[in-house]
């Protein structure tokens, strides 16, 4: 898995591409978030539009990212989830914990 990182309007945007599964992308996502936190970013958006698959390990890593960001008084938003990924979030009731938007533009606006 690759993660492309940009900054827009004071928000760090992480764009993972590929699968986020046990041993394949889950740890990379967590490391990317922790690196951005260490660099001072407190508003983080993860764009899932190029993520083809997310398993329970990936969900667990997202929860860890959420906790790390909150512990540093930051905000996390998610966008671009395909229907399968969003259904997994709904099954685990995490759609009510995470701030999930359809598009990057909506998510960026929600930080304001």
PDB file of N, CA and C in Angstrom:
ATOM      1  N   UNK A   1       0.831  -1.176   0.000  1.00  0.00           N
ATOM      2  CA  UNK A   1       0.000   0.000   0.000  1.00  0.00           C
ATOM      3  C   UNK A   1       0.881   1.248   0.000  1.00  0.00           C
ATOM      4  N   UNK A   2       0.456   2.241  -0.733  1.00  0.00           N
ATOM      5  CA  UNK A   2       1.124   3.531  -0.767  1.00  0.00           C
ATOM      6  C   UNK A   2       0.236   4.561  -0.092  1.00  0.00           C
ATOM      7  N   UNK A   3       0.862   5.569   0.500  1.00  0.00           N
ATOM      8  CA  UNK A   3       0.102   6.669   1.096  1.00  0.00           C
ATOM      9  C   UNK A   3       0.680   7.971   0.571  1.00  0.00           C
ATOM     10  N   UNK A   4      -0.157   8.723  -0.112  1.00  0.00           N
ATOM     11  CA  UNK A   4       0.229  10.040  -0.611  1.00  0.00           C
ATOM     12  C   UNK A   4      -0.263  11.063   0.419  1.00  0.00           C
ATOM     13  N   UNK A   5       0.573  12.035   0.762  1.00  0.00           N
ATOM     14  CA  UNK A   5       0.232  13.017   1.792  1.00  0.00           C
ATOM     15  C   UNK A   5       0.296  14.421   1.199  1.00  0.00           C
ATOM     16  N   UNK A   6      -0.778  15.182   1.415  1.00  0.00           N
ATOM     17  CA  UNK A   6      -0.880  16.581   0.989  1.00  0.00           C
ATOM     18  C   UNK A   6      -1.356  17.411   2.167  1.00  0.00           C
ATOM     19  N   UNK A   7      -1.249  18.709   2.010  1.00  0.00           N
ATOM     20  CA  UNK A   7      -1.814  19.637   2.985  1.00  0.00           C
ATOM     21  C   UNK A   7      -2.696  20.636   2.245  1.00  0.00           C
ATOM     22  N   UNK A   8      -3.931  20.802   2.718  1.00  0.00           N
ATOM     23  CA  UNK A   8      -4.884  21.748   2.140  1.00  0.00           C
ATOM     24  C   UNK A   8      -5.570  22.507   3.263  1.00  0.00           C
ATOM     25  N   UNK A   9      -5.516  23.824   3.203  1.00  0.00           N
ATOM     26  CA  UNK A   9      -6.246  24.668   4.147  1.00  0.00           C
ATOM     27  C   UNK A   9      -5.957  24.279   5.595  1.00  0.00           C
ATOM     28  N   UNK A  10      -4.705  23.954   5.898  1.00  0.00           N
ATOM     29  CA  UNK A  10      -4.326  23.599   7.255  1.00  0.00           C
ATOM     30  C   UNK A  10      -4.692  22.188   7.672  1.00  0.00           C
ATOM     31  N   UNK A  11      -5.124  21.371   6.716  1.00  0.00           N
ATOM     32  CA  UNK A  11      -5.515  19.989   6.986  1.00  0.00           C
ATOM     33  C   UNK A  11      -4.526  19.055   6.294  1.00  0.00           C
ATOM     34  N   UNK A  12      -4.051  18.062   7.021  1.00  0.00           N
ATOM     35  CA  UNK A  12      -3.194  17.031   6.452  1.00  0.00           C
ATOM     36  C   UNK A  12      -4.099  15.967   5.827  1.00  0.00           C
ATOM     37  N   UNK A  13      -3.939  15.730   4.533  1.00  0.00           N
ATOM     38  CA  UNK A  13      -4.768  14.760   3.812  1.00  0.00           C
ATOM     39  C   UNK A  13      -3.913  13.542   3.476  1.00  0.00           C
ATOM     40  N   UNK A  14      -4.301  12.397   4.017  1.00  0.00           N
ATOM     41  CA  UNK A  14      -3.639  11.128   3.718  1.00  0.00           C
ATOM     42  C   UNK A  14      -4.496  10.383   2.713  1.00  0.00           C
ATOM     43  N   UNK A  15      -3.849   9.937   1.629  1.00  0.00           N
ATOM     44  CA  UNK A  15      -4.557   9.212   0.575  1.00  0.00           C
ATOM     45  C   UNK A  15      -3.942   7.823   0.395  1.00  0.00           C
ATOM     46  N   UNK A  16      -4.362   6.872   1.215  1.00  0.00           N
ATOM     47  CA  UNK A  16      -3.852   5.509   1.016  1.00  0.00           C
ATOM     48  C   UNK A  16      -4.417   4.916  -0.268  1.00  0.00           C
ATOM     49  N   UNK A  17      -3.638   4.038  -0.890  1.00  0.00           N
ATOM     50  CA  UNK A  17      -4.079   3.359  -2.108  1.00  0.00           C
ATOM     51  C   UNK A  17      -3.770   1.878  -1.963  1.00  0.00           C
ATOM     52  N   UNK A  18      -4.763   1.051  -2.213  1.00  0.00           N
ATOM     53  CA  UNK A  18      -4.592  -0.396  -2.106  1.00  0.00           C
ATOM     54  C   UNK A  18      -5.450  -0.958  -0.997  1.00  0.00           C
ATOM     55  N   UNK A  19      -4.968  -2.032  -0.406  1.00  0.00           N
ATOM     56  CA  UNK A  19      -5.702  -2.711   0.670  1.00  0.00           C
ATOM     57  C   UNK A  19      -5.158  -2.292   2.025  1.00  0.00           C
ATOM     58  N   UNK A  20      -6.056  -2.215   2.996  1.00  0.00           N
ATOM     59  CA  UNK A  20      -5.650  -1.992   4.378  1.00  0.00           C
ATOM     60  C   UNK A  20      -6.129  -3.213   5.153  1.00  0.00           C
ATOM     61  N   UNK A  21      -5.225  -4.193   5.266  1.00  0.00           N
ATOM     62  CA  UNK A  21      -5.554  -5.467   5.895  1.00  0.00           C
ATOM     63  C   UNK A  21      -4.431  -5.868   6.846  1.00  0.00           C
ATOM     64  N   UNK A  22      -4.649  -6.930   7.578  1.00  0.00           N
ATOM     65  CA  UNK A  22      -3.642  -7.438   8.505  1.00  0.00           C
ATOM     66  C   UNK A  22      -2.334  -7.684   7.764  1.00  0.00           C
ATOM     67  N   UNK A  23      -1.303  -6.990   8.164  1.00  0.00           N
ATOM     68  CA  UNK A  23       0.014  -7.161   7.562  1.00  0.00           C
ATOM     69  C   UNK A  23       0.194  -6.512   6.208  1.00  0.00           C
ATOM     70  N   UNK A  24      -0.828  -5.857   5.701  1.00  0.00           N
ATOM     71  CA  UNK A  24      -0.731  -5.226   4.383  1.00  0.00           C
ATOM     72  C   UNK A  24      -1.421  -3.872   4.413  1.00  0.00           C
ATOM     73  N   UNK A  25      -0.745  -2.899   4.988  1.00  0.00           N
ATOM     74  CA  UNK A  25      -1.276  -1.546   4.969  1.00  0.00           C
ATOM     75  C   UNK A  25      -1.768  -1.037   6.301  1.00  0.00           C
ATOM     76  N   UNK A  26      -2.146  -1.941   7.216  1.00  0.00           N
ATOM     77  CA  UNK A  26      -2.699  -1.464   8.484  1.00  0.00           C
ATOM     78  C   UNK A  26      -1.654  -0.701   9.294  1.00  0.00           C
ATOM     79  N   UNK A  27      -0.467  -1.253   9.429  1.00  0.00           N
ATOM     80  CA  UNK A  27       0.575  -0.592  10.204  1.00  0.00           C
ATOM     81  C   UNK A  27       1.085   0.660   9.506  1.00  0.00           C
ATOM     82  N   UNK A  28       1.141   0.638   8.181  1.00  0.00           N
ATOM     83  CA  UNK A  28       1.606   1.802   7.430  1.00  0.00           C
ATOM     84  C   UNK A  28       0.695   3.000   7.662  1.00  0.00           C
ATOM     85  N   UNK A  29      -0.611   2.749   7.705  1.00  0.00           N
ATOM     86  CA  UNK A  29      -1.559   3.834   7.946  1.00  0.00           C
ATOM     87  C   UNK A  29      -1.333   4.440   9.326  1.00  0.00           C
ATOM     88  N   UNK A  30      -1.198   3.598  10.331  1.00  0.00           N
ATOM     89  CA  UNK A  30      -0.953   4.080  11.686  1.00  0.00           C
ATOM     90  C   UNK A  30       0.346   4.856  11.796  1.00  0.00           C
ATOM     91  N   UNK A  31       1.384   4.360  11.143  1.00  0.00           N
ATOM     92  CA  UNK A  31       2.679   5.051  11.162  1.00  0.00           C
ATOM     93  C   UNK A  31       2.585   6.412  10.486  1.00  0.00           C
ATOM     94  N   UNK A  32       1.856   6.489   9.382  1.00  0.00           N
ATOM     95  CA  UNK A  32       1.700   7.758   8.675  1.00  0.00           C
ATOM     96  C   UNK A  32       0.989   8.786   9.553  1.00  0.00           C
ATOM     97  N   UNK A  33      -0.058   8.345  10.239  1.00  0.00           N
ATOM     98  CA  UNK A  33      -0.788   9.258  11.128  1.00  0.00           C
ATOM     99  C   UNK A  33       0.111   9.714  12.270  1.00  0.00           C
ATOM    100  N   UNK A  34       0.816   8.793  12.893  1.00  0.00           N
ATOM    101  CA  UNK A  34       1.695   9.165  14.011  1.00  0.00           C
ATOM    102  C   UNK A  34       2.818  10.106  13.562  1.00  0.00           C
ATOM    103  N   UNK A  35       3.334   9.893  12.361  1.00  0.00           N
ATOM    104  CA  UNK A  35       4.361  10.780  11.825  1.00  0.00           C
ATOM    105  C   UNK A  35       3.819  12.191  11.647  1.00  0.00           C
ATOM    106  N   UNK A  36       2.620  12.296  11.103  1.00  0.00           N
ATOM    107  CA  UNK A  36       2.028  13.618  10.894  1.00  0.00           C
ATOM    108  C   UNK A  36       1.733  14.296  12.229  1.00  0.00           C
ATOM    109  N   UNK A  37       1.297  13.532  13.202  1.00  0.00           N
ATOM    110  CA  UNK A  37       1.074  14.096  14.532  1.00  0.00           C
ATOM    111  C   UNK A  37       2.381  14.615  15.127  1.00  0.00           C
ATOM    112  N   UNK A  38       3.452  13.852  14.966  1.00  0.00           N
ATOM    113  CA  UNK A  38       4.758  14.253  15.485  1.00  0.00           C
ATOM    114  C   UNK A  38       5.259  15.527  14.805  1.00  0.00           C
ATOM    115  N   UNK A  39       4.816  15.741  13.560  1.00  0.00           N
ATOM    116  CA  UNK A  39       5.215  16.944  12.829  1.00  0.00           C
ATOM    117  C   UNK A  39       4.311  18.132  13.127  1.00  0.00           C
ATOM    118  N   UNK A  40       3.334  17.923  14.010  1.00  0.00           N
ATOM    119  CA  UNK A  40       2.491  19.037  14.435  1.00  0.00           C
ATOM    120  C   UNK A  40       1.118  19.115  13.809  1.00  0.00           C
ATOM    121  N   UNK A  41       0.794  18.223  12.896  1.00  0.00           N
ATOM    122  CA  UNK A  41      -0.541  18.245  12.299  1.00  0.00           C
ATOM    123  C   UNK A  41      -1.572  17.800  13.329  1.00  0.00           C
ATOM    124  N   UNK A  42      -2.682  18.525  13.400  1.00  0.00           N
ATOM    125  CA  UNK A  42      -3.752  18.162  14.333  1.00  0.00           C
ATOM    126  C   UNK A  42      -5.093  17.958  13.629  1.00  0.00           C
ATOM    127  N   UNK A  43      -5.185  18.387  12.390  1.00  0.00           N
ATOM    128  CA  UNK A  43      -6.383  18.163  11.578  1.00  0.00           C
ATOM    129  C   UNK A  43      -5.980  17.179  10.487  1.00  0.00           C
ATOM    130  N   UNK A  44      -6.539  15.977  10.564  1.00  0.00           N
ATOM    131  CA  UNK A  44      -6.142  14.922   9.629  1.00  0.00           C
ATOM    132  C   UNK A  44      -7.373  14.346   8.938  1.00  0.00           C
ATOM    133  N   UNK A  45      -7.277  14.248   7.623  1.00  0.00           N
ATOM    134  CA  UNK A  45      -8.318  13.668   6.790  1.00  0.00           C
ATOM    135  C   UNK A  45      -7.733  12.455   6.086  1.00  0.00           C
ATOM    136  N   UNK A  46      -8.422  11.335   6.167  1.00  0.00           N
ATOM    137  CA  UNK A  46      -8.000  10.142   5.427  1.00  0.00           C
ATOM    138  C   UNK A  46      -9.010   9.921   4.308  1.00  0.00           C
ATOM    139  N   UNK A  47      -8.523   9.985   3.078  1.00  0.00           N
ATOM    140  CA  UNK A  47      -9.349   9.824   1.884  1.00  0.00           C
ATOM    141  C   UNK A  47      -9.250   8.367   1.421  1.00  0.00           C
ATOM    142  N   UNK A  48     -10.355   7.659   1.499  1.00  0.00           N
ATOM    143  CA  UNK A  48     -10.393   6.229   1.174  1.00  0.00           C
ATOM    144  C   UNK A  48     -10.761   5.948  -0.279  1.00  0.00           C
ATOM    145  N   UNK A  49     -10.779   6.958  -1.131  1.00  0.00           N
ATOM    146  CA  UNK A  49     -11.263   6.755  -2.496  1.00  0.00           C
ATOM    147  C   UNK A  49     -10.421   5.757  -3.305  1.00  0.00           C
ATOM    148  N   UNK A  50      -9.171   5.522  -2.904  1.00  0.00           N
ATOM    149  CA  UNK A  50      -8.333   4.557  -3.628  1.00  0.00           C
ATOM    150  C   UNK A  50      -8.039   3.304  -2.797  1.00  0.00           C
ATOM    151  N   UNK A  51      -8.814   3.121  -1.730  1.00  0.00           N
ATOM    152  CA  UNK A  51      -8.670   1.916  -0.912  1.00  0.00           C
ATOM    153  C   UNK A  51      -9.648   0.877  -1.442  1.00  0.00           C
ATOM    154  N   UNK A  52      -9.122  -0.244  -1.878  1.00  0.00           N
ATOM    155  CA  UNK A  52      -9.969  -1.275  -2.476  1.00  0.00           C
ATOM    156  C   UNK A  52     -10.571  -2.227  -1.454  1.00  0.00           C
ATOM    157  N   UNK A  53      -9.923  -2.353  -0.296  1.00  0.00           N
ATOM    158  CA  UNK A  53     -10.402  -3.327   0.692  1.00  0.00           C
ATOM    159  C   UNK A  53      -9.926  -2.923   2.080  1.00  0.00           C
ATOM    160  N   UNK A  54     -10.798  -3.068   3.047  1.00  0.00           N
ATOM    161  CA  UNK A  54     -10.494  -2.773   4.446  1.00  0.00           C
ATOM    162  C   UNK A  54     -11.024  -3.926   5.277  1.00  0.00           C
ATOM    163  N   UNK A  55     -10.166  -4.525   6.126  1.00  0.00           N
ATOM    164  CA  UNK A  55     -10.634  -5.616   6.981  1.00  0.00           C
ATOM    165  C   UNK A  55     -10.670  -5.153   8.443  1.00  0.00           C
ATOM    166  N   UNK A  56     -10.941  -6.079   9.336  1.00  0.00           N
ATOM    167  CA  UNK A  56     -11.070  -5.734  10.750  1.00  0.00           C
ATOM    168  C   UNK A  56      -9.762  -5.187  11.325  1.00  0.00           C
ATOM    169  N   UNK A  57      -8.646  -5.631  10.800  1.00  0.00           N
ATOM    170  CA  UNK A  57      -7.353  -5.109  11.241  1.00  0.00           C
ATOM    171  C   UNK A  57      -7.223  -3.638  10.853  1.00  0.00           C
ATOM    172  N   UNK A  58      -7.663  -3.315   9.664  1.00  0.00           N
ATOM    173  CA  UNK A  58      -7.663  -1.930   9.210  1.00  0.00           C
ATOM    174  C   UNK A  58      -8.589  -1.071  10.057  1.00  0.00           C
ATOM    175  N   UNK A  59      -9.746  -1.628  10.415  1.00  0.00           N
ATOM    176  CA  UNK A  59     -10.681  -0.917  11.295  1.00  0.00           C
ATOM    177  C   UNK A  59     -10.017  -0.667  12.642  1.00  0.00           C
ATOM    178  N   UNK A  60      -9.343  -1.689  13.174  1.00  0.00           N
ATOM    179  CA  UNK A  60      -8.649  -1.538  14.448  1.00  0.00           C
ATOM    180  C   UNK A  60      -7.587  -0.454  14.393  1.00  0.00           C
ATOM    181  N   UNK A  61      -6.878  -0.390  13.277  1.00  0.00           N
ATOM    182  CA  UNK A  61      -5.857   0.648  13.114  1.00  0.00           C
ATOM    183  C   UNK A  61      -6.489   2.024  13.039  1.00  0.00           C
ATOM    184  N   UNK A  62      -7.644   2.129  12.388  1.00  0.00           N
ATOM    185  CA  UNK A  62      -8.363   3.408  12.343  1.00  0.00           C
ATOM    186  C   UNK A  62      -8.765   3.866  13.740  1.00  0.00           C
ATOM    187  N   UNK A  63      -9.225   2.941  14.555  1.00  0.00           N
ATOM    188  CA  UNK A  63      -9.592   3.280  15.934  1.00  0.00           C
ATOM    189  C   UNK A  63      -8.355   3.764  16.692  1.00  0.00           C
ATOM    190  N   UNK A  64      -7.216   3.103  16.479  1.00  0.00           N
ATOM    191  CA  UNK A  64      -5.974   3.536  17.098  1.00  0.00           C
ATOM    192  C   UNK A  64      -5.569   4.926  16.638  1.00  0.00           C
ATOM    193  N   UNK A  65      -5.737   5.201  15.344  1.00  0.00           N
ATOM    194  CA  UNK A  65      -5.435   6.536  14.807  1.00  0.00           C
ATOM    195  C   UNK A  65      -6.340   7.582  15.441  1.00  0.00           C
ATOM    196  N   UNK A  66      -7.616   7.261  15.529  1.00  0.00           N
ATOM    197  CA  UNK A  66      -8.592   8.173  16.133  1.00  0.00           C
ATOM    198  C   UNK A  66      -8.185   8.517  17.569  1.00  0.00           C
ATOM    199  N   UNK A  67      -7.801   7.498  18.333  1.00  0.00           N
ATOM    200  CA  UNK A  67      -7.384   7.700  19.722  1.00  0.00           C
ATOM    201  C   UNK A  67      -6.124   8.553  19.808  1.00  0.00           C
ATOM    202  N   UNK A  68      -5.140   8.253  18.968  1.00  0.00           N
ATOM    203  CA  UNK A  68      -3.892   9.029  18.969  1.00  0.00           C
ATOM    204  C   UNK A  68      -4.155  10.491  18.648  1.00  0.00           C
ATOM    205  N   UNK A  69      -5.007  10.738  17.669  1.00  0.00           N
ATOM    206  CA  UNK A  69      -5.311  12.108  17.263  1.00  0.00           C
ATOM    207  C   UNK A  69      -6.071  12.835  18.371  1.00  0.00           C
ATOM    208  N   UNK A  70      -7.056  12.182  18.952  1.00  0.00           N
ATOM    209  CA  UNK A  70      -7.829  12.800  20.037  1.00  0.00           C
ATOM    210  C   UNK A  70      -6.966  13.090  21.257  1.00  0.00           C
ATOM    211  N   UNK A  71      -6.032  12.191  21.561  1.00  0.00           N
ATOM    212  CA  UNK A  71      -5.141  12.398  22.705  1.00  0.00           C
ATOM    213  C   UNK A  71      -4.255  13.626  22.526  1.00  0.00           C
ATOM    214  N   UNK A  72      -4.104  14.058  21.298  1.00  0.00           N
ATOM    215  CA  UNK A  72      -3.306  15.267  21.016  1.00  0.00           C
ATOM    216  C   UNK A  72      -4.208  16.436  20.640  1.00  0.00           C
ATOM    217  N   UNK A  73      -5.464  16.382  21.066  1.00  0.00           N
ATOM    218  CA  UNK A  73      -6.456  17.423  20.822  1.00  0.00           C
ATOM    219  C   UNK A  73      -6.648  17.713  19.335  1.00  0.00           C
ATOM    220  N   UNK A  74      -6.565  16.664  18.535  1.00  0.00           N
ATOM    221  CA  UNK A  74      -6.744  16.818  17.100  1.00  0.00           C
ATOM    222  C   UNK A  74      -8.100  16.328  16.633  1.00  0.00           C
ATOM    223  N   UNK A  75      -8.305  16.436  15.328  1.00  0.00           N
ATOM    224  CA  UNK A  75      -9.549  15.999  14.696  1.00  0.00           C
ATOM    225  C   UNK A  75      -9.222  15.048  13.556  1.00  0.00           C
ATOM    226  N   UNK A  76     -10.049  14.016  13.393  1.00  0.00           N
ATOM    227  CA  UNK A  76      -9.916  13.076  12.280  1.00  0.00           C
ATOM    228  C   UNK A  76     -11.233  13.022  11.532  1.00  0.00           C
ATOM    229  N   UNK A  77     -11.139  13.112  10.221  1.00  0.00           N
ATOM    230  CA  UNK A  77     -12.312  12.934   9.372  1.00  0.00           C
ATOM    231  C   UNK A  77     -11.938  11.931   8.285  1.00  0.00           C
ATOM    232  N   UNK A  78     -12.947  11.236   7.771  1.00  0.00           N
ATOM    233  CA  UNK A  78     -12.760  10.235   6.724  1.00  0.00           C
ATOM    234  C   UNK A  78     -13.646  10.605   5.541  1.00  0.00           C
ATOM    235  N   UNK A  79     -13.189  10.273   4.334  1.00  0.00           N
ATOM    236  CA  UNK A  79     -14.031  10.512   3.163  1.00  0.00           C
ATOM    237  C   UNK A  79     -13.711   9.481   2.083  1.00  0.00           C
ATOM    238  N   UNK A  80     -14.587   9.460   1.068  1.00  0.00           N
ATOM    239  CA  UNK A  80     -14.334   8.651  -0.117  1.00  0.00           C
ATOM    240  C   UNK A  80     -14.486   7.154   0.059  1.00  0.00           C
ATOM    241  N   UNK A  81     -15.230   6.719   1.053  1.00  0.00           N
ATOM    242  CA  UNK A  81     -15.374   5.271   1.275  1.00  0.00           C
ATOM    243  C   UNK A  81     -16.308   4.653   0.247  1.00  0.00           C
ATOM    244  N   UNK A  82     -15.907   3.496  -0.291  1.00  0.00           N
ATOM    245  CA  UNK A  82     -16.816   2.782  -1.174  1.00  0.00           C
ATOM    246  C   UNK A  82     -17.914   2.145  -0.317  1.00  0.00           C
ATOM    247  N   UNK A  83     -18.943   1.637  -0.956  1.00  0.00           N
ATOM    248  CA  UNK A  83     -20.101   1.128  -0.207  1.00  0.00           C
ATOM    249  C   UNK A  83     -19.734  -0.052   0.689  1.00  0.00           C
ATOM    250  N   UNK A  84     -18.836  -0.899   0.247  1.00  0.00           N
ATOM    251  CA  UNK A  84     -18.444  -2.056   1.057  1.00  0.00           C
ATOM    252  C   UNK A  84     -17.728  -1.610   2.329  1.00  0.00           C
ATOM    253  N   UNK A  85     -16.826  -0.644   2.189  1.00  0.00           N
ATOM    254  CA  UNK A  85     -16.090  -0.149   3.343  1.00  0.00           C
ATOM    255  C   UNK A  85     -17.023   0.572   4.307  1.00  0.00           C
ATOM    256  N   UNK A  86     -17.924   1.397   3.771  1.00  0.00           N
ATOM    257  CA  UNK A  86     -18.857   2.109   4.642  1.00  0.00           C
ATOM    258  C   UNK A  86     -19.806   1.129   5.333  1.00  0.00           C
ATOM    259  N   UNK A  87     -20.218   0.071   4.638  1.00  0.00           N
ATOM    260  CA  UNK A  87     -21.079  -0.954   5.258  1.00  0.00           C
ATOM    261  C   UNK A  87     -20.359  -1.613   6.434  1.00  0.00           C
ATOM    262  N   UNK A  88     -19.055  -1.857   6.301  1.00  0.00           N
ATOM    263  CA  UNK A  88     -18.275  -2.421   7.401  1.00  0.00           C
ATOM    264  C   UNK A  88     -18.266  -1.451   8.587  1.00  0.00           C
ATOM    265  N   UNK A  89     -18.126  -0.167   8.304  1.00  0.00           N
ATOM    266  CA  UNK A  89     -18.169   0.841   9.366  1.00  0.00           C
ATOM    267  C   UNK A  89     -19.533   0.840  10.056  1.00  0.00           C
ATOM    268  N   UNK A  90     -20.605   0.682   9.264  1.00  0.00           N
ATOM    269  CA  UNK A  90     -21.948   0.651   9.846  1.00  0.00           C
ATOM    270  C   UNK A  90     -22.158  -0.608  10.688  1.00  0.00           C
ATOM    271  N   UNK A  91     -21.670  -1.754  10.206  1.00  0.00           N
ATOM    272  CA  UNK A  91     -21.831  -3.012  10.950  1.00  0.00           C
ATOM    273  C   UNK A  91     -21.168  -2.938  12.318  1.00  0.00           C
ATOM    274  N   UNK A  92     -20.062  -2.217  12.398  1.00  0.00           N
ATOM    275  CA  UNK A  92     -19.336  -2.094  13.663  1.00  0.00           C
ATOM    276  C   UNK A  92     -19.779  -0.864  14.458  1.00  0.00           C
ATOM    277  N   UNK A  93     -20.770  -0.143  13.943  1.00  0.00           N
ATOM    278  CA  UNK A  93     -21.308   1.084  14.549  1.00  0.00           C
ATOM    279  C   UNK A  93     -20.274   2.204  14.647  1.00  0.00           C
ATOM    280  N   UNK A  94     -19.173   2.080  13.932  1.00  0.00           N
ATOM    281  CA  UNK A  94     -18.140   3.118  13.973  1.00  0.00           C
ATOM    282  C   UNK A  94     -18.485   4.324  13.110  1.00  0.00           C
ATOM    283  N   UNK A  95     -19.492   4.189  12.240  1.00  0.00           N
ATOM    284  CA  UNK A  95     -19.915   5.346  11.445  1.00  0.00           C
ATOM    285  C   UNK A  95     -20.452   6.457  12.338  1.00  0.00           C
ATOM    286  N   UNK A  96     -20.857   6.097  13.567  1.00  0.00           N
ATOM    287  CA  UNK A  96     -21.336   7.114  14.507  1.00  0.00           C
ATOM    288  C   UNK A  96     -20.198   7.706  15.339  1.00  0.00           C
ATOM    289  N   UNK A  97     -19.035   7.073  15.323  1.00  0.00           N
ATOM    290  CA  UNK A  97     -17.865   7.566  16.057  1.00  0.00           C
ATOM    291  C   UNK A  97     -17.031   8.480  15.150  1.00  0.00           C
ATOM    292  N   UNK A  98     -16.785   8.012  13.930  1.00  0.00           N
ATOM    293  CA  UNK A  98     -15.982   8.763  12.979  1.00  0.00           C
ATOM    294  C   UNK A  98     -16.852   9.775  12.235  1.00  0.00           C
ATOM    295  N   UNK A  99     -16.254  10.886  11.867  1.00  0.00           N
ATOM    296  CA  UNK A  99     -16.921  11.874  11.031  1.00  0.00           C
ATOM    297  C   UNK A  99     -16.616  11.494   9.588  1.00  0.00           C
ATOM    298  N   UNK A 100     -17.580  10.856   8.925  1.00  0.00           N
ATOM    299  CA  UNK A 100     -17.393  10.339   7.571  1.00  0.00           C
ATOM    300  C   UNK A 100     -18.162  11.221   6.587  1.00  0.00           C
ATOM    301  N   UNK A 101     -17.456  11.725   5.593  1.00  0.00           N
ATOM    302  CA  UNK A 101     -18.066  12.539   4.541  1.00  0.00           C
ATOM    303  C   UNK A 101     -17.904  11.816   3.215  1.00  0.00           C
ATOM    304  N   UNK A 102     -18.760  12.173   2.257  1.00  0.00           N
ATOM    305  CA  UNK A 102     -18.674  11.524   0.944  1.00  0.00           C
ATOM    306  C   UNK A 102     -17.464  11.988   0.164  1.00  0.00           C
ATOM    307  N   UNK A 103     -17.227  13.292   0.136  1.00  0.00           N
ATOM    308  CA  UNK A 103     -16.164  13.830  -0.700  1.00  0.00           C
ATOM    309  C   UNK A 103     -15.104  14.543   0.141  1.00  0.00           C
ATOM    310  N   UNK A 104     -13.944  14.723  -0.477  1.00  0.00           N
ATOM    311  CA  UNK A 104     -12.868  15.452   0.177  1.00  0.00           C
ATOM    312  C   UNK A 104     -13.278  16.896   0.440  1.00  0.00           C
ATOM    313  N   UNK A 105     -13.967  17.511  -0.507  1.00  0.00           N
ATOM    314  CA  UNK A 105     -14.402  18.907  -0.349  1.00  0.00           C
ATOM    315  C   UNK A 105     -15.317  19.042   0.866  1.00  0.00           C
ATOM    316  N   UNK A 106     -16.264  18.112   1.041  1.00  0.00           N
ATOM    317  CA  UNK A 106     -17.152  18.147   2.212  1.00  0.00           C
ATOM    318  C   UNK A 106     -16.364  17.980   3.504  1.00  0.00           C
ATOM    319  N   UNK A 107     -15.413  17.075   3.488  1.00  0.00           N
ATOM    320  CA  UNK A 107     -14.615  16.817   4.693  1.00  0.00           C
ATOM    321  C   UNK A 107     -13.752  18.022   5.043  1.00  0.00           C
ATOM    322  N   UNK A 108     -13.121  18.633   4.049  1.00  0.00           N
ATOM    323  CA  UNK A 108     -12.305  19.816   4.303  1.00  0.00           C
ATOM    324  C   UNK A 108     -13.152  20.957   4.864  1.00  0.00           C
ATOM    325  N   UNK A 109     -14.334  21.133   4.321  1.00  0.00           N
ATOM    326  CA  UNK A 109     -15.237  22.190   4.800  1.00  0.00           C
ATOM    327  C   UNK A 109     -15.683  21.928   6.233  1.00  0.00           C
ATOM    328  N   UNK A 110     -15.780  20.666   6.610  1.00  0.00           N
ATOM    329  CA  UNK A 110     -16.233  20.309   7.962  1.00  0.00           C
ATOM    330  C   UNK A 110     -15.195  20.646   9.036  1.00  0.00           C
ATOM    331  N   UNK A 111     -13.951  20.850   8.635  1.00  0.00           N
ATOM    332  CA  UNK A 111     -12.925  21.234   9.600  1.00  0.00           C
ATOM    333  C   UNK A 111     -13.054  22.698  10.015  1.00  0.00           C
ATOM    334  N   UNK A 112     -13.691  23.496   9.180  1.00  0.00           N
ATOM    335  CA  UNK A 112     -13.767  24.947   9.437  1.00  0.00           C
ATOM    336  C   UNK A 112     -14.648  25.299  10.615  1.00  0.00           C
TER     337      UNK A 112
END
